[in-house]
């Protein structure tokens, strides 16, 4: 999440809005926002089973968490690209997103 904060000016210059969300409690989300100095919206309190059912995100039932799942949406809010992780690697990076947006807007 901190990587996205670093890239936020570049993303905004491309017209990209950023939102993050997790199963964290409000208190845990506030700690993350504070520790990582995030200025973009961070949602909290997601129901991991419901989100998995709706999006296909992978879950870890023992810890009741979602594995990282990233979406790049088109202006009409349909999915341009989705990345599903089954563990601690395999996520959309800010560089991936900016490269994709540049490619798509050139067409």
Protein backbone atom coordinates (compact mmCIF):
# COMPACT_ATOMS: atom_id res chain seq x y z
CA UNK A 1 0.00 0.00 0.00
CA UNK A 2 2.90 2.33 0.71
CA UNK A 3 4.16 1.78 -2.85
CA UNK A 4 0.88 3.13 -4.17
CA UNK A 5 1.19 6.16 -1.90
CA UNK A 6 4.60 6.90 -3.42
CA UNK A 7 3.15 6.63 -6.92
CA UNK A 8 -0.02 8.58 -6.11
CA UNK A 9 1.02 11.82 -7.86
CA UNK A 10 1.83 9.89 -11.05
CA UNK A 11 -1.41 7.92 -10.85
CA UNK A 12 -3.45 11.09 -10.31
CA UNK A 13 -1.73 12.76 -13.28
CA UNK A 14 -3.04 9.86 -15.39
CA UNK A 15 -6.56 10.32 -14.03
CA UNK A 16 -6.40 7.23 -11.82
CA UNK A 17 -8.29 7.13 -8.52
CA UNK A 18 -7.12 4.70 -5.87
CA UNK A 19 -9.12 2.88 -3.20
CA UNK A 20 -8.00 0.10 -0.85
CA UNK A 21 -10.11 -2.07 1.44
CA UNK A 22 -9.58 -4.95 3.84
CA UNK A 23 -11.12 -7.10 6.51
CA UNK A 24 -9.28 -5.06 9.15
CA UNK A 25 -11.17 -3.40 11.96
CA UNK A 26 -11.42 0.39 11.99
CA UNK A 27 -8.64 0.52 14.59
CA UNK A 28 -6.33 -1.73 12.50
CA UNK A 29 -7.10 0.26 9.34
CA UNK A 30 -6.31 3.54 11.10
CA UNK A 31 -2.96 2.10 12.26
CA UNK A 32 -2.12 1.05 8.70
CA UNK A 33 -3.09 4.45 7.32
CA UNK A 34 -1.02 6.20 9.97
CA UNK A 35 2.02 3.93 9.78
CA UNK A 36 2.15 4.08 5.99
CA UNK A 37 1.06 7.72 5.78
CA UNK A 38 -1.69 6.88 3.30
CA UNK A 39 -3.74 9.72 1.85
CA UNK A 40 -6.07 7.70 -0.36
CA UNK A 41 -9.29 6.06 0.89
CA UNK A 42 -8.91 2.82 2.84
CA UNK A 43 -12.04 0.82 3.60
CA UNK A 44 -12.28 -1.61 6.47
CA UNK A 45 -14.50 -4.30 7.94
CA UNK A 46 -15.09 -6.29 4.77
CA UNK A 47 -16.72 -9.70 5.15
CA UNK A 48 -14.04 -11.93 3.63
CA UNK A 49 -16.47 -14.68 2.59
CA UNK A 50 -18.86 -12.23 0.91
CA UNK A 51 -16.07 -10.45 -0.96
CA UNK A 52 -14.65 -13.78 -2.10
CA UNK A 53 -18.05 -14.89 -3.34
CA UNK A 54 -18.59 -11.64 -5.23
CA UNK A 55 -15.11 -11.16 -6.69
CA UNK A 56 -13.38 -14.53 -6.72
CA UNK A 57 -10.71 -13.33 -4.28
CA UNK A 58 -8.81 -16.14 -2.57
CA UNK A 59 -9.23 -16.48 1.18
CA UNK A 60 -7.30 -17.86 4.08
CA UNK A 61 -10.00 -19.33 6.30
CA UNK A 62 -7.77 -19.86 9.35
CA UNK A 63 -7.02 -16.13 9.66
CA UNK A 64 -10.30 -15.04 8.03
CA UNK A 65 -8.53 -12.81 5.50
CA UNK A 66 -8.57 -12.11 1.80
CA UNK A 67 -5.43 -12.49 -0.24
CA UNK A 68 -4.51 -9.43 -2.25
CA UNK A 69 -6.81 -8.86 -5.17
CA UNK A 70 -6.42 -5.87 -7.43
CA UNK A 71 -8.66 -4.40 -10.09
CA UNK A 72 -8.10 -1.69 -12.67
CA UNK A 73 -11.46 -0.34 -13.74
CA UNK A 74 -12.33 1.37 -16.99
CA UNK A 75 -14.06 4.76 -16.88
CA UNK A 76 -17.41 2.94 -17.19
CA UNK A 77 -16.44 0.95 -14.04
CA UNK A 78 -16.10 -2.39 -15.80
CA UNK A 79 -12.96 -4.39 -15.07
CA UNK A 80 -10.02 -3.74 -17.39
CA UNK A 81 -7.60 -6.02 -15.51
CA UNK A 82 -7.81 -8.17 -12.39
CA UNK A 83 -4.97 -9.78 -10.44
CA UNK A 84 -5.67 -12.49 -7.89
CA UNK A 85 -3.02 -13.57 -5.41
CA UNK A 86 -3.02 -16.85 -3.50
CA UNK A 87 -0.29 -15.73 -1.12
CA UNK A 88 2.14 -12.93 -0.30
CA UNK A 89 3.29 -12.38 -3.92
CA UNK A 90 1.55 -11.80 -7.25
CA UNK A 91 0.01 -8.35 -6.91
CA UNK A 92 -0.61 -5.45 -9.24
CA UNK A 93 2.19 -2.96 -8.74
CA UNK A 94 1.85 0.78 -9.23
CA UNK A 95 4.20 0.44 -12.20
CA UNK A 96 1.88 -2.20 -13.71
CA UNK A 97 -1.09 0.12 -13.32
CA UNK A 98 0.60 3.21 -14.78
CA UNK A 99 1.97 1.20 -17.71
CA UNK A 100 -1.47 -0.25 -18.43
CA UNK A 101 -3.18 3.13 -18.24
CA UNK A 102 -0.61 4.65 -20.58
CA UNK A 103 -1.05 1.77 -23.04
CA UNK A 104 -4.83 1.92 -22.99
CA UNK A 105 -5.02 5.70 -23.33
CA UNK A 106 -2.70 5.64 -26.36
CA UNK A 107 -5.19 3.45 -28.25
